[in-house]
Structure formats: C-alpha cells, structure tokens
C-alpha cells in the first residue's frame, strides 16, 4: 500500500513538473508566432493608436517574462482568462468543447476495443490461416488509410446516399446520432493497431510455459486462453488503448473538421488561426494534462490486470 501511495505521489509530482514545462514552452511558442492579435482583433481599418490601446488592455505590451508570470498567477487563482476573439471565459469554452470530445472519444475507443481485441484474439488462435490473413489485412488497411478518407466514405454512404445518419453537427446539439459516424470513423482507425497488438501479444503469451502446463493438467483450453493467457496479453494492449484514448481526448482534429463536430480539436485549430492566445495556451495545457492523466490511469490498470507488477520506479 505504501509503495502504491509513493508511486501515485511521484506521478502527481511529475504531472505538475510536466505542466509547468508545457506552460512555458507553449507560452513562448505562441508569442513568437508571426501576427499581432491586437491588430487582428482591432481590424484592418484601426489606427495604430487604437491598436496600441488594445495591446495595453490585453497586457501584450509587457515583457514576455512579466506576461508569463501574470499568466501563471492567474492559473493558480483559477482564472483562465477570456478569449480575445469572443470575449467569453476560456474555461467555459474549453469545458463545453471537451464534453463533446469526451462523448466522442469514449464512444470511439469503446468501439475500437470491441472490434480490435476479439479480432486480434481470433487471428492469434488461427495463426497463418486465412482468417488470420484477413484480420491482418484489415489492420494494415485501417492503419494505412487516412482517417479523413474513412470519414468522407462513411459520410457519402450513410448521409448522402442512404440518408440514414446526419453528416454534420453544425447546430451544436450533440446527440447519439451525431456521434455515430465520427465515432465509427475513429473506431475503425483505432481498431487496427489494437488488433495488431492483441494478436502479437497473444501469440507471445500462448508460447509461455504456464499455458502449456495448465493445458497438460487437463484445464480446458478455452479457459486457459480467455482466463489466463488473454489477461496477461492485455497488458501491452492497454498501453495502445490508453495512447489512442489520449489522442482522441486531445481532439481528433481531422474527424471533427470533416463532420463539423464542435469538439476541442476544432476549437484549438480555430484559436491558432485567429491568434487567440488565451484559448490556445489553456487548450494545449488541457491537452497535456489529459495525456498525463491517461498515462497514470493506464499504469493503474496495469496493476489491476496483473497484481504481480511492482510499483517501484514505475509500473511498466
């Protein structure tokens, strides 16, 4: 118990250090990009004096070091600032978009696991047979096909031709119907690496001594495979699922753009093009936090799947 507590403390400390480093890097990169947000916000017809007044109001006339200290001080007080473009609280904007992205991510990663893990197991149990080749062909096709191609194909078939599902979510109202097509696109893209990793991990696990011993003791092969072998084989698969889920939570930009889905990815892209510094800074910090938290959850899942994993310097 003490080792687990110590490990979690280290992870939290690492998370804090990561976020401080990410905040500094993002702050510097954003402010070194070409383009003046004060000029963009004031408009092309504004005078230089009006631009300077707006720059002073936004605090952009201060030295970068002072701006960064002010930025971190506001973060510590829970003040994420206001959007330069819309003048809305940044926290409110990101929360709304993240909730939409979270719905899409959970739906997509669940479908990916439901499709990918069984296919990988089936392929491993039928190694070098036609079904194994078919599954690996699907995996290669899924990995090599750009996700926007999958998204456009689904849209053309189910929205344009058959008129079964909505193609976009331009109204901003996200219901289950609006999740289906982008969720399937993400699922097909994510199921491919999950299937490949499951197959490889299962093949390695099936060659272990304990599997042969359990089978020789008369334990039914199906029980050995699904209760013992699969459980151990899932450890590297959890890593892949965690990475994919973190990517989706960070904002599946291409999918959200194709389906006009109001998620976090589209918000960040729009903010970058409009030089909306507060939204970009907080948005990227939010993404970094998401990845770090998902990594920690994956490590905890390791311990749940295989209690033999010791938490010392790390659980992997």
C-alpha atoms as a PDB file:
ATOM      1  CA  UNK A   1       0.000   0.000   0.000  1.00  0.00           C
ATOM      2  CA  UNK A   2       2.843   2.366   0.873  1.00  0.00           C
ATOM      3  CA  UNK A   3       4.550   1.678  -2.439  1.00  0.00           C
ATOM      4  CA  UNK A   4       1.350   2.482  -4.336  1.00  0.00           C
ATOM      5  CA  UNK A   5       0.918   5.747  -2.408  1.00  0.00           C
ATOM      6  CA  UNK A   6       4.532   6.654  -3.069  1.00  0.00           C
ATOM      7  CA  UNK A   7       4.147   5.877  -6.758  1.00  0.00           C
ATOM      8  CA  UNK A   8       0.984   7.996  -7.068  1.00  0.00           C
ATOM      9  CA  UNK A   9       2.758  10.874  -5.302  1.00  0.00           C
ATOM     10  CA  UNK A  10       5.620  10.638  -7.804  1.00  0.00           C
ATOM     11  CA  UNK A  11       3.158  10.620 -10.689  1.00  0.00           C
ATOM     12  CA  UNK A  12       1.386  13.722  -9.370  1.00  0.00           C
ATOM     13  CA  UNK A  13       4.717  15.488  -8.875  1.00  0.00           C
ATOM     14  CA  UNK A  14       5.753  14.510 -12.408  1.00  0.00           C
ATOM     15  CA  UNK A  15       2.399  15.814 -13.674  1.00  0.00           C
ATOM     16  CA  UNK A  16       2.975  19.196 -12.032  1.00  0.00           C
ATOM     17  CA  UNK A  17       6.513  19.485 -13.439  1.00  0.00           C
ATOM     18  CA  UNK A  18       5.262  18.465 -16.892  1.00  0.00           C
ATOM     19  CA  UNK A  19       2.526  21.083 -16.846  1.00  0.00           C
ATOM     20  CA  UNK A  20       4.895  23.843 -15.737  1.00  0.00           C
ATOM     21  CA  UNK A  21       7.311  22.929 -18.529  1.00  0.00           C
ATOM     22  CA  UNK A  22       4.483  22.671 -21.056  1.00  0.00           C
ATOM     23  CA  UNK A  23       3.062  26.029 -19.990  1.00  0.00           C
ATOM     24  CA  UNK A  24       6.428  27.748 -20.544  1.00  0.00           C
ATOM     25  CA  UNK A  25       7.063  26.113 -23.924  1.00  0.00           C
ATOM     26  CA  UNK A  26       3.541  26.825 -25.184  1.00  0.00           C
ATOM     27  CA  UNK A  27       3.680  30.413 -23.912  1.00  0.00           C
ATOM     28  CA  UNK A  28       6.949  31.127 -25.698  1.00  0.00           C
ATOM     29  CA  UNK A  29       5.977  29.429 -28.963  1.00  0.00           C
ATOM     30  CA  UNK A  30       2.607  31.191 -29.146  1.00  0.00           C
ATOM     31  CA  UNK A  31       4.118  34.613 -28.524  1.00  0.00           C
ATOM     32  CA  UNK A  32       6.909  34.071 -31.046  1.00  0.00           C
ATOM     33  CA  UNK A  33       4.497  33.225 -33.847  1.00  0.00           C
ATOM     34  CA  UNK A  34       4.097  35.897 -36.541  1.00  0.00           C
ATOM     35  CA  UNK A  35       0.999  38.029 -36.331  1.00  0.00           C
ATOM     36  CA  UNK A  36      -0.296  40.605 -33.862  1.00  0.00           C
ATOM     37  CA  UNK A  37      -3.502  39.542 -32.060  1.00  0.00           C
ATOM     38  CA  UNK A  38      -4.224  43.177 -31.181  1.00  0.00           C
ATOM     39  CA  UNK A  39      -4.095  44.133 -34.873  1.00  0.00           C
ATOM     40  CA  UNK A  40      -6.231  41.117 -35.828  1.00  0.00           C
ATOM     41  CA  UNK A  41      -8.823  41.942 -33.173  1.00  0.00           C
ATOM     42  CA  UNK A  42      -8.869  45.665 -33.899  1.00  0.00           C
ATOM     43  CA  UNK A  43      -9.372  45.089 -37.619  1.00  0.00           C
ATOM     44  CA  UNK A  44      -7.538  46.330 -40.713  1.00  0.00           C
ATOM     45  CA  UNK A  45      -9.095  49.798 -40.516  1.00  0.00           C
ATOM     46  CA  UNK A  46      -7.978  50.531 -36.944  1.00  0.00           C
ATOM     47  CA  UNK A  47      -5.355  53.202 -36.388  1.00  0.00           C
ATOM     48  CA  UNK A  48      -2.004  52.413 -34.804  1.00  0.00           C
ATOM     49  CA  UNK A  49      -3.068  54.311 -31.680  1.00  0.00           C
ATOM     50  CA  UNK A  50      -6.192  52.152 -31.334  1.00  0.00           C
ATOM     51  CA  UNK A  51      -4.070  49.032 -31.755  1.00  0.00           C
ATOM     52  CA  UNK A  52      -1.657  50.204 -29.049  1.00  0.00           C
ATOM     53  CA  UNK A  53      -4.539  50.912 -26.659  1.00  0.00           C
ATOM     54  CA  UNK A  54      -5.923  47.434 -27.262  1.00  0.00           C
ATOM     55  CA  UNK A  55      -2.464  45.887 -26.859  1.00  0.00           C
ATOM     56  CA  UNK A  56      -2.113  47.646 -23.485  1.00  0.00           C
ATOM     57  CA  UNK A  57      -5.575  46.452 -22.434  1.00  0.00           C
ATOM     58  CA  UNK A  58      -4.621  42.864 -23.255  1.00  0.00           C
ATOM     59  CA  UNK A  59      -1.267  43.173 -21.494  1.00  0.00           C
ATOM     60  CA  UNK A  60       0.644  42.399 -24.694  1.00  0.00           C
ATOM     61  CA  UNK A  61       2.905  45.447 -24.281  1.00  0.00           C
ATOM     62  CA  UNK A  62       4.603  43.961 -21.218  1.00  0.00           C
ATOM     63  CA  UNK A  63       7.884  41.976 -21.418  1.00  0.00           C
ATOM     64  CA  UNK A  64       7.390  38.274 -22.103  1.00  0.00           C
ATOM     65  CA  UNK A  65       8.720  37.313 -18.664  1.00  0.00           C
ATOM     66  CA  UNK A  66       6.158  39.543 -16.959  1.00  0.00           C
ATOM     67  CA  UNK A  67       3.395  38.209 -19.177  1.00  0.00           C
ATOM     68  CA  UNK A  68       4.339  34.631 -18.278  1.00  0.00           C
ATOM     69  CA  UNK A  69       4.397  35.362 -14.531  1.00  0.00           C
ATOM     70  CA  UNK A  70       0.988  37.045 -14.826  1.00  0.00           C
ATOM     71  CA  UNK A  71      -0.273  34.067 -16.809  1.00  0.00           C
ATOM     72  CA  UNK A  72       0.860  31.545 -14.161  1.00  0.00           C
ATOM     73  CA  UNK A  73      -0.501  33.703 -11.331  1.00  0.00           C
ATOM     74  CA  UNK A  74      -3.933  33.749 -12.986  1.00  0.00           C
ATOM     75  CA  UNK A  75      -3.795  29.976 -13.433  1.00  0.00           C
ATOM     76  CA  UNK A  76      -3.075  29.450  -9.739  1.00  0.00           C
ATOM     77  CA  UNK A  77      -6.158  31.523  -8.926  1.00  0.00           C
ATOM     78  CA  UNK A  78      -8.317  29.557 -11.348  1.00  0.00           C
ATOM     79  CA  UNK A  79      -8.538  32.467 -13.790  1.00  0.00           C
ATOM     80  CA  UNK A  80      -8.068  31.083 -17.310  1.00  0.00           C
ATOM     81  CA  UNK A  81      -8.657  34.434 -18.950  1.00  0.00           C
ATOM     82  CA  UNK A  82     -11.059  35.444 -21.679  1.00  0.00           C
ATOM     83  CA  UNK A  83     -10.999  34.749 -25.374  1.00  0.00           C
ATOM     84  CA  UNK A  84      -9.568  37.621 -27.403  1.00  0.00           C
ATOM     85  CA  UNK A  85     -11.977  36.890 -30.253  1.00  0.00           C
ATOM     86  CA  UNK A  86     -15.273  36.114 -28.481  1.00  0.00           C
ATOM     87  CA  UNK A  87     -14.587  37.707 -25.060  1.00  0.00           C
ATOM     88  CA  UNK A  88     -16.033  34.591 -23.414  1.00  0.00           C
ATOM     89  CA  UNK A  89     -14.319  32.874 -20.461  1.00  0.00           C
ATOM     90  CA  UNK A  90     -11.748  30.398 -21.793  1.00  0.00           C
ATOM     91  CA  UNK A  91     -12.677  27.809 -19.165  1.00  0.00           C
ATOM     92  CA  UNK A  92     -16.288  27.883 -20.315  1.00  0.00           C
ATOM     93  CA  UNK A  93     -15.316  27.469 -23.980  1.00  0.00           C
ATOM     94  CA  UNK A  94     -12.950  24.560 -23.325  1.00  0.00           C
ATOM     95  CA  UNK A  95     -15.323  22.798 -20.919  1.00  0.00           C
ATOM     96  CA  UNK A  96     -18.172  22.801 -23.440  1.00  0.00           C
ATOM     97  CA  UNK A  97     -15.967  21.563 -26.287  1.00  0.00           C
ATOM     98  CA  UNK A  98     -14.212  18.982 -24.109  1.00  0.00           C
ATOM     99  CA  UNK A  99     -17.519  17.449 -23.015  1.00  0.00           C
ATOM    100  CA  UNK A 100     -18.390  16.924 -26.688  1.00  0.00           C
ATOM    101  CA  UNK A 101     -14.941  15.456 -27.403  1.00  0.00           C
ATOM    102  CA  UNK A 102     -15.203  13.229 -24.314  1.00  0.00           C
ATOM    103  CA  UNK A 103     -18.501  11.779 -25.580  1.00  0.00           C
ATOM    104  CA  UNK A 104     -16.982  11.117 -28.987  1.00  0.00           C
ATOM    105  CA  UNK A 105     -13.758   9.689 -27.530  1.00  0.00           C
ATOM    106  CA  UNK A 106     -15.482   7.270 -25.156  1.00  0.00           C
ATOM    107  CA  UNK A 107     -17.770   6.077 -27.950  1.00  0.00           C
ATOM    108  CA  UNK A 108     -14.888   5.710 -30.412  1.00  0.00           C
ATOM    109  CA  UNK A 109     -12.440   3.936 -28.075  1.00  0.00           C
ATOM    110  CA  UNK A 110     -15.159   1.576 -26.825  1.00  0.00           C
ATOM    111  CA  UNK A 111     -15.967   0.538 -30.395  1.00  0.00           C
ATOM    112  CA  UNK A 112     -12.241   0.225 -31.155  1.00  0.00           C
ATOM    113  CA  UNK A 113     -11.712  -2.172 -28.252  1.00  0.00           C
ATOM    114  CA  UNK A 114     -14.876  -4.158 -29.029  1.00  0.00           C
ATOM    115  CA  UNK A 115     -13.699  -4.608 -32.626  1.00  0.00           C
ATOM    116  CA  UNK A 116      -9.930  -4.819 -32.210  1.00  0.00           C
ATOM    117  CA  UNK A 117      -9.447  -7.153 -29.226  1.00  0.00           C
ATOM    118  CA  UNK A 118     -11.676 -10.027 -30.471  1.00  0.00           C
ATOM    119  CA  UNK A 119     -10.179  -9.760 -33.960  1.00  0.00           C
ATOM    120  CA  UNK A 120      -6.667  -9.935 -32.526  1.00  0.00           C
ATOM    121  CA  UNK A 121      -7.524 -12.984 -30.417  1.00  0.00           C
ATOM    122  CA  UNK A 122      -9.167 -14.738 -33.364  1.00  0.00           C
ATOM    123  CA  UNK A 123      -6.138 -14.010 -35.553  1.00  0.00           C
ATOM    124  CA  UNK A 124      -3.721 -15.357 -32.925  1.00  0.00           C
ATOM    125  CA  UNK A 125      -5.711 -18.563 -32.437  1.00  0.00           C
ATOM    126  CA  UNK A 126      -5.775 -19.107 -36.210  1.00  0.00           C
ATOM    127  CA  UNK A 127      -2.187 -18.164 -36.954  1.00  0.00           C
ATOM    128  CA  UNK A 128      -1.212 -18.313 -40.643  1.00  0.00           C
ATOM    129  CA  UNK A 129      -4.731 -19.349 -41.666  1.00  0.00           C
ATOM    130  CA  UNK A 130      -6.975 -17.374 -43.995  1.00  0.00           C
ATOM    131  CA  UNK A 131      -8.819 -15.723 -41.110  1.00  0.00           C
ATOM    132  CA  UNK A 132      -5.506 -14.535 -39.662  1.00  0.00           C
ATOM    133  CA  UNK A 133      -4.531 -13.069 -43.019  1.00  0.00           C
ATOM    134  CA  UNK A 134      -7.945 -11.420 -43.355  1.00  0.00           C
ATOM    135  CA  UNK A 135      -7.666  -9.773 -39.920  1.00  0.00           C
ATOM    136  CA  UNK A 136      -4.123  -8.572 -40.609  1.00  0.00           C
ATOM    137  CA  UNK A 137      -5.260  -7.265 -43.985  1.00  0.00           C
ATOM    138  CA  UNK A 138      -7.978  -5.291 -42.229  1.00  0.00           C
ATOM    139  CA  UNK A 139      -5.422  -3.973 -39.726  1.00  0.00           C
ATOM    140  CA  UNK A 140      -2.983  -2.875 -42.434  1.00  0.00           C
ATOM    141  CA  UNK A 141      -5.809  -1.228 -44.368  1.00  0.00           C
ATOM    142  CA  UNK A 142      -7.009   0.568 -41.260  1.00  0.00           C
ATOM    143  CA  UNK A 143      -3.557   1.849 -40.341  1.00  0.00           C
ATOM    144  CA  UNK A 144      -2.601   2.938 -43.868  1.00  0.00           C
ATOM    145  CA  UNK A 145      -5.906   4.606 -44.783  1.00  0.00           C
ATOM    146  CA  UNK A 146      -6.038   8.281 -43.764  1.00  0.00           C
ATOM    147  CA  UNK A 147      -8.814   8.896 -41.289  1.00  0.00           C
ATOM    148  CA  UNK A 148     -10.340  11.656 -43.418  1.00  0.00           C
ATOM    149  CA  UNK A 149     -10.829   9.109 -46.222  1.00  0.00           C
ATOM    150  CA  UNK A 150     -12.717   6.828 -43.822  1.00  0.00           C
ATOM    151  CA  UNK A 151     -14.761   9.786 -42.572  1.00  0.00           C
ATOM    152  CA  UNK A 152     -15.699  11.016 -46.050  1.00  0.00           C
ATOM    153  CA  UNK A 153     -16.590   7.469 -47.180  1.00  0.00           C
ATOM    154  CA  UNK A 154     -18.918   6.999 -44.200  1.00  0.00           C
ATOM    155  CA  UNK A 155     -20.480  10.383 -44.832  1.00  0.00           C
ATOM    156  CA  UNK A 156     -21.074   9.674 -48.522  1.00  0.00           C
ATOM    157  CA  UNK A 157     -22.628   6.256 -47.849  1.00  0.00           C
ATOM    158  CA  UNK A 158     -24.724   6.819 -44.737  1.00  0.00           C
ATOM    159  CA  UNK A 159     -25.593  10.507 -45.124  1.00  0.00           C
ATOM    160  CA  UNK A 160     -25.526  11.417 -48.801  1.00  0.00           C
ATOM    161  CA  UNK A 161     -26.630   8.144 -50.414  1.00  0.00           C
ATOM    162  CA  UNK A 162     -28.774   6.396 -47.800  1.00  0.00           C
ATOM    163  CA  UNK A 163     -29.809   9.429 -45.696  1.00  0.00           C
ATOM    164  CA  UNK A 164     -29.660   7.339 -42.526  1.00  0.00           C
ATOM    165  CA  UNK A 165     -27.456   9.477 -40.291  1.00  0.00           C
ATOM    166  CA  UNK A 166     -26.640  13.210 -40.104  1.00  0.00           C
ATOM    167  CA  UNK A 167     -23.389  14.206 -41.755  1.00  0.00           C
ATOM    168  CA  UNK A 168     -22.578  17.207 -39.568  1.00  0.00           C
ATOM    169  CA  UNK A 169     -23.309  18.693 -36.189  1.00  0.00           C
ATOM    170  CA  UNK A 170     -23.491  22.342 -37.222  1.00  0.00           C
ATOM    171  CA  UNK A 171     -26.316  23.080 -34.789  1.00  0.00           C
ATOM    172  CA  UNK A 172     -24.074  22.298 -31.840  1.00  0.00           C
ATOM    173  CA  UNK A 173     -26.617  19.907 -30.351  1.00  0.00           C
ATOM    174  CA  UNK A 174     -24.735  16.663 -29.799  1.00  0.00           C
ATOM    175  CA  UNK A 175     -26.980  13.629 -29.512  1.00  0.00           C
ATOM    176  CA  UNK A 176     -26.266   9.963 -30.083  1.00  0.00           C
ATOM    177  CA  UNK A 177     -26.987  10.266 -33.815  1.00  0.00           C
ATOM    178  CA  UNK A 178     -24.303  12.937 -34.199  1.00  0.00           C
ATOM    179  CA  UNK A 179     -21.770  10.629 -32.506  1.00  0.00           C
ATOM    180  CA  UNK A 180     -22.310   7.562 -34.686  1.00  0.00           C
ATOM    181  CA  UNK A 181     -20.483   8.470 -37.910  1.00  0.00           C
ATOM    182  CA  UNK A 182     -17.450  10.250 -36.393  1.00  0.00           C
ATOM    183  CA  UNK A 183     -17.325   7.564 -33.690  1.00  0.00           C
ATOM    184  CA  UNK A 184     -17.244   4.758 -36.277  1.00  0.00           C
ATOM    185  CA  UNK A 185     -14.539   6.597 -38.222  1.00  0.00           C
ATOM    186  CA  UNK A 186     -12.378   6.839 -35.105  1.00  0.00           C
ATOM    187  CA  UNK A 187     -13.197   3.240 -34.142  1.00  0.00           C
ATOM    188  CA  UNK A 188     -12.120   1.795 -37.489  1.00  0.00           C
ATOM    189  CA  UNK A 189      -8.908   3.804 -37.339  1.00  0.00           C
ATOM    190  CA  UNK A 190      -8.188   2.766 -33.726  1.00  0.00           C
ATOM    191  CA  UNK A 191      -9.258  -0.883 -34.026  1.00  0.00           C
ATOM    192  CA  UNK A 192      -6.431  -1.654 -36.459  1.00  0.00           C
ATOM    193  CA  UNK A 193      -3.460  -1.083 -34.084  1.00  0.00           C
ATOM    194  CA  UNK A 194      -5.413  -2.673 -31.225  1.00  0.00           C
ATOM    195  CA  UNK A 195      -5.991  -5.818 -33.307  1.00  0.00           C
ATOM    196  CA  UNK A 196      -2.326  -5.998 -34.322  1.00  0.00           C
ATOM    197  CA  UNK A 197      -1.076  -5.552 -30.757  1.00  0.00           C
ATOM    198  CA  UNK A 198      -3.595  -8.069 -29.382  1.00  0.00           C
ATOM    199  CA  UNK A 199      -2.528 -10.657 -31.949  1.00  0.00           C
ATOM    200  CA  UNK A 200       1.192 -10.162 -31.275  1.00  0.00           C
ATOM    201  CA  UNK A 201       0.735 -10.211 -27.516  1.00  0.00           C
ATOM    202  CA  UNK A 202      -1.496 -13.305 -27.615  1.00  0.00           C
ATOM    203  CA  UNK A 203       0.982 -15.192 -29.792  1.00  0.00           C
ATOM    204  CA  UNK A 204       3.762 -14.432 -27.331  1.00  0.00           C
ATOM    205  CA  UNK A 205       1.627 -15.367 -24.310  1.00  0.00           C
ATOM    206  CA  UNK A 206       0.483 -18.667 -25.824  1.00  0.00           C
ATOM    207  CA  UNK A 207       4.110 -19.822 -26.011  1.00  0.00           C
ATOM    208  CA  UNK A 208       4.671 -19.288 -22.281  1.00  0.00           C
ATOM    209  CA  UNK A 209       5.374 -22.297 -20.065  1.00  0.00           C
ATOM    210  CA  UNK A 210       2.377 -21.787 -17.765  1.00  0.00           C
ATOM    211  CA  UNK A 211      -0.014 -22.096 -20.720  1.00  0.00           C
ATOM    212  CA  UNK A 212       1.423 -25.482 -21.672  1.00  0.00           C
ATOM    213  CA  UNK A 213       1.449 -26.626 -18.061  1.00  0.00           C
ATOM    214  CA  UNK A 214      -2.159 -25.570 -17.487  1.00  0.00           C
ATOM    215  CA  UNK A 215      -3.221 -27.378 -20.648  1.00  0.00           C
ATOM    216  CA  UNK A 216      -1.310 -30.535 -19.649  1.00  0.00           C
ATOM    217  CA  UNK A 217      -3.148 -30.563 -16.304  1.00  0.00           C
ATOM    218  CA  UNK A 218      -6.393 -31.006 -18.182  1.00  0.00           C
ATOM    219  CA  UNK A 219      -7.711 -27.477 -17.805  1.00  0.00           C
ATOM    220  CA  UNK A 220      -9.962 -26.748 -20.802  1.00  0.00           C
ATOM    221  CA  UNK A 221      -8.039 -24.832 -23.478  1.00  0.00           C
ATOM    222  CA  UNK A 222     -10.783 -22.238 -23.797  1.00  0.00           C
ATOM    223  CA  UNK A 223     -10.488 -21.472 -20.074  1.00  0.00           C
ATOM    224  CA  UNK A 224      -6.697 -21.272 -20.279  1.00  0.00           C
ATOM    225  CA  UNK A 225      -6.883 -18.901 -23.229  1.00  0.00           C
ATOM    226  CA  UNK A 226      -9.551 -16.500 -22.032  1.00  0.00           C
ATOM    227  CA  UNK A 227      -8.926 -16.536 -18.263  1.00  0.00           C
ATOM    228  CA  UNK A 228      -5.137 -16.681 -18.092  1.00  0.00           C
ATOM    229  CA  UNK A 229      -3.496 -16.026 -21.456  1.00  0.00           C
ATOM    230  CA  UNK A 230      -5.743 -13.166 -22.531  1.00  0.00           C
ATOM    231  CA  UNK A 231      -5.433 -11.398 -19.198  1.00  0.00           C
ATOM    232  CA  UNK A 232      -1.644 -11.290 -19.449  1.00  0.00           C
ATOM    233  CA  UNK A 233      -1.776 -10.457 -23.154  1.00  0.00           C
ATOM    234  CA  UNK A 234      -3.914  -7.392 -22.444  1.00  0.00           C
ATOM    235  CA  UNK A 235      -1.122  -5.538 -20.626  1.00  0.00           C
ATOM    236  CA  UNK A 236       0.560  -4.086 -23.771  1.00  0.00           C
ATOM    237  CA  UNK A 237      -2.877  -3.717 -25.388  1.00  0.00           C
ATOM    238  CA  UNK A 238      -3.908  -1.403 -22.547  1.00  0.00           C
ATOM    239  CA  UNK A 239      -0.958   0.822 -23.468  1.00  0.00           C
ATOM    240  CA  UNK A 240      -2.162   1.137 -27.056  1.00  0.00           C
ATOM    241  CA  UNK A 241      -5.747   1.801 -25.955  1.00  0.00           C
ATOM    242  CA  UNK A 242      -4.522   4.435 -23.496  1.00  0.00           C
ATOM    243  CA  UNK A 243      -2.458   6.228 -26.137  1.00  0.00           C
ATOM    244  CA  UNK A 244      -5.339   6.182 -28.631  1.00  0.00           C
ATOM    245  CA  UNK A 245      -7.779   7.411 -26.000  1.00  0.00           C
ATOM    246  CA  UNK A 246      -5.407  10.215 -25.026  1.00  0.00           C
ATOM    247  CA  UNK A 247      -5.125  11.228 -28.664  1.00  0.00           C
ATOM    248  CA  UNK A 248      -8.895  11.277 -29.036  1.00  0.00           C
ATOM    249  CA  UNK A 249      -9.373  13.321 -25.871  1.00  0.00           C
ATOM    250  CA  UNK A 250      -6.799  15.798 -27.139  1.00  0.00           C
ATOM    251  CA  UNK A 251      -9.120  16.395 -30.048  1.00  0.00           C
ATOM    252  CA  UNK A 252      -9.466  14.309 -33.161  1.00  0.00           C
ATOM    253  CA  UNK A 253      -8.963  17.391 -35.300  1.00  0.00           C
ATOM    254  CA  UNK A 254      -9.434  15.852 -38.749  1.00  0.00           C
ATOM    255  CA  UNK A 255     -12.545  13.886 -37.826  1.00  0.00           C
ATOM    256  CA  UNK A 256     -14.081  16.842 -36.016  1.00  0.00           C
ATOM    257  CA  UNK A 257     -13.386  19.055 -39.028  1.00  0.00           C
ATOM    258  CA  UNK A 258     -14.874  16.661 -41.601  1.00  0.00           C
ATOM    259  CA  UNK A 259     -18.059  16.181 -39.573  1.00  0.00           C
ATOM    260  CA  UNK A 260     -18.197  19.813 -38.347  1.00  0.00           C
ATOM    261  CA  UNK A 261     -18.125  18.402 -34.825  1.00  0.00           C
ATOM    262  CA  UNK A 262     -17.834  21.093 -32.115  1.00  0.00           C
ATOM    263  CA  UNK A 263     -15.008  19.487 -30.173  1.00  0.00           C
ATOM    264  CA  UNK A 264     -11.768  20.540 -28.522  1.00  0.00           C
ATOM    265  CA  UNK A 265      -9.637  19.893 -31.607  1.00  0.00           C
ATOM    266  CA  UNK A 266     -11.596  22.289 -33.797  1.00  0.00           C
ATOM    267  CA  UNK A 267     -11.574  24.908 -31.051  1.00  0.00           C
ATOM    268  CA  UNK A 268      -7.766  24.827 -30.877  1.00  0.00           C
ATOM    269  CA  UNK A 269      -7.334  24.989 -34.642  1.00  0.00           C
ATOM    270  CA  UNK A 270      -9.694  27.972 -34.899  1.00  0.00           C
ATOM    271  CA  UNK A 271      -7.899  29.671 -31.994  1.00  0.00           C
ATOM    272  CA  UNK A 272      -4.478  29.179 -33.606  1.00  0.00           C
ATOM    273  CA  UNK A 273      -5.589  30.710 -36.894  1.00  0.00           C
ATOM    274  CA  UNK A 274      -7.180  33.698 -35.123  1.00  0.00           C
ATOM    275  CA  UNK A 275      -4.161  34.156 -32.781  1.00  0.00           C
ATOM    276  CA  UNK A 276      -6.464  33.731 -29.767  1.00  0.00           C
ATOM    277  CA  UNK A 277      -3.583  33.293 -27.310  1.00  0.00           C
ATOM    278  CA  UNK A 278      -5.575  32.608 -24.112  1.00  0.00           C
ATOM    279  CA  UNK A 279      -7.601  29.817 -25.746  1.00  0.00           C
ATOM    280  CA  UNK A 280      -4.517  28.236 -27.341  1.00  0.00           C
ATOM    281  CA  UNK A 281      -2.473  28.344 -24.124  1.00  0.00           C
ATOM    282  CA  UNK A 282      -5.160  26.888 -21.866  1.00  0.00           C
ATOM    283  CA  UNK A 283      -6.279  24.437 -24.540  1.00  0.00           C
ATOM    284  CA  UNK A 284      -2.806  22.955 -25.018  1.00  0.00           C
ATOM    285  CA  UNK A 285      -2.255  22.800 -21.250  1.00  0.00           C
ATOM    286  CA  UNK A 286      -5.559  20.963 -21.024  1.00  0.00           C
ATOM    287  CA  UNK A 287      -4.337  18.527 -23.672  1.00  0.00           C
ATOM    288  CA  UNK A 288      -1.068  17.958 -21.775  1.00  0.00           C
ATOM    289  CA  UNK A 289      -2.992  17.347 -18.563  1.00  0.00           C
ATOM    290  CA  UNK A 290      -5.246  14.878 -20.340  1.00  0.00           C
ATOM    291  CA  UNK A 291      -2.332  12.854 -21.699  1.00  0.00           C
ATOM    292  CA  UNK A 292      -0.620  12.770 -18.297  1.00  0.00           C
ATOM    293  CA  UNK A 293      -3.806  11.657 -16.527  1.00  0.00           C
ATOM    294  CA  UNK A 294      -4.491   8.965 -19.110  1.00  0.00           C
ATOM    295  CA  UNK A 295      -0.913   7.699 -18.677  1.00  0.00           C
ATOM    296  CA  UNK A 296      -1.442   7.453 -14.924  1.00  0.00           C
ATOM    297  CA  UNK A 297      -4.733   5.607 -15.359  1.00  0.00           C
ATOM    298  CA  UNK A 298      -3.036   3.157 -17.732  1.00  0.00           C
ATOM    299  CA  UNK A 299      -0.393   2.438 -15.088  1.00  0.00           C
ATOM    300  CA  UNK A 300      -3.108   1.795 -12.500  1.00  0.00           C
ATOM    301  CA  UNK A 301      -4.849  -0.556 -14.924  1.00  0.00           C
ATOM    302  CA  UNK A 302      -1.584  -2.490 -15.222  1.00  0.00           C
ATOM    303  CA  UNK A 303      -1.751  -3.238 -11.528  1.00  0.00           C
ATOM    304  CA  UNK A 304      -5.409  -4.250 -11.730  1.00  0.00           C
ATOM    305  CA  UNK A 305      -4.788  -6.589 -14.660  1.00  0.00           C
ATOM    306  CA  UNK A 306      -1.624  -8.120 -13.220  1.00  0.00           C
ATOM    307  CA  UNK A 307      -1.080  -7.601  -9.458  1.00  0.00           C
ATOM    308  CA  UNK A 308       2.447  -9.041  -9.811  1.00  0.00           C
ATOM    309  CA  UNK A 309       3.578  -5.769 -11.336  1.00  0.00           C
ATOM    310  CA  UNK A 310       5.514  -3.957  -8.643  1.00  0.00           C
ATOM    311  CA  UNK A 311       5.393  -0.269  -8.212  1.00  0.00           C
ATOM    312  CA  UNK A 312       8.965   0.811  -7.646  1.00  0.00           C
ATOM    313  CA  UNK A 313      10.423   3.286 -10.087  1.00  0.00           C
ATOM    314  CA  UNK A 314       7.468   2.751 -12.399  1.00  0.00           C
ATOM    315  CA  UNK A 315       4.887   0.136 -13.169  1.00  0.00           C
ATOM    316  CA  UNK A 316       5.921  -0.699 -16.678  1.00  0.00           C
END
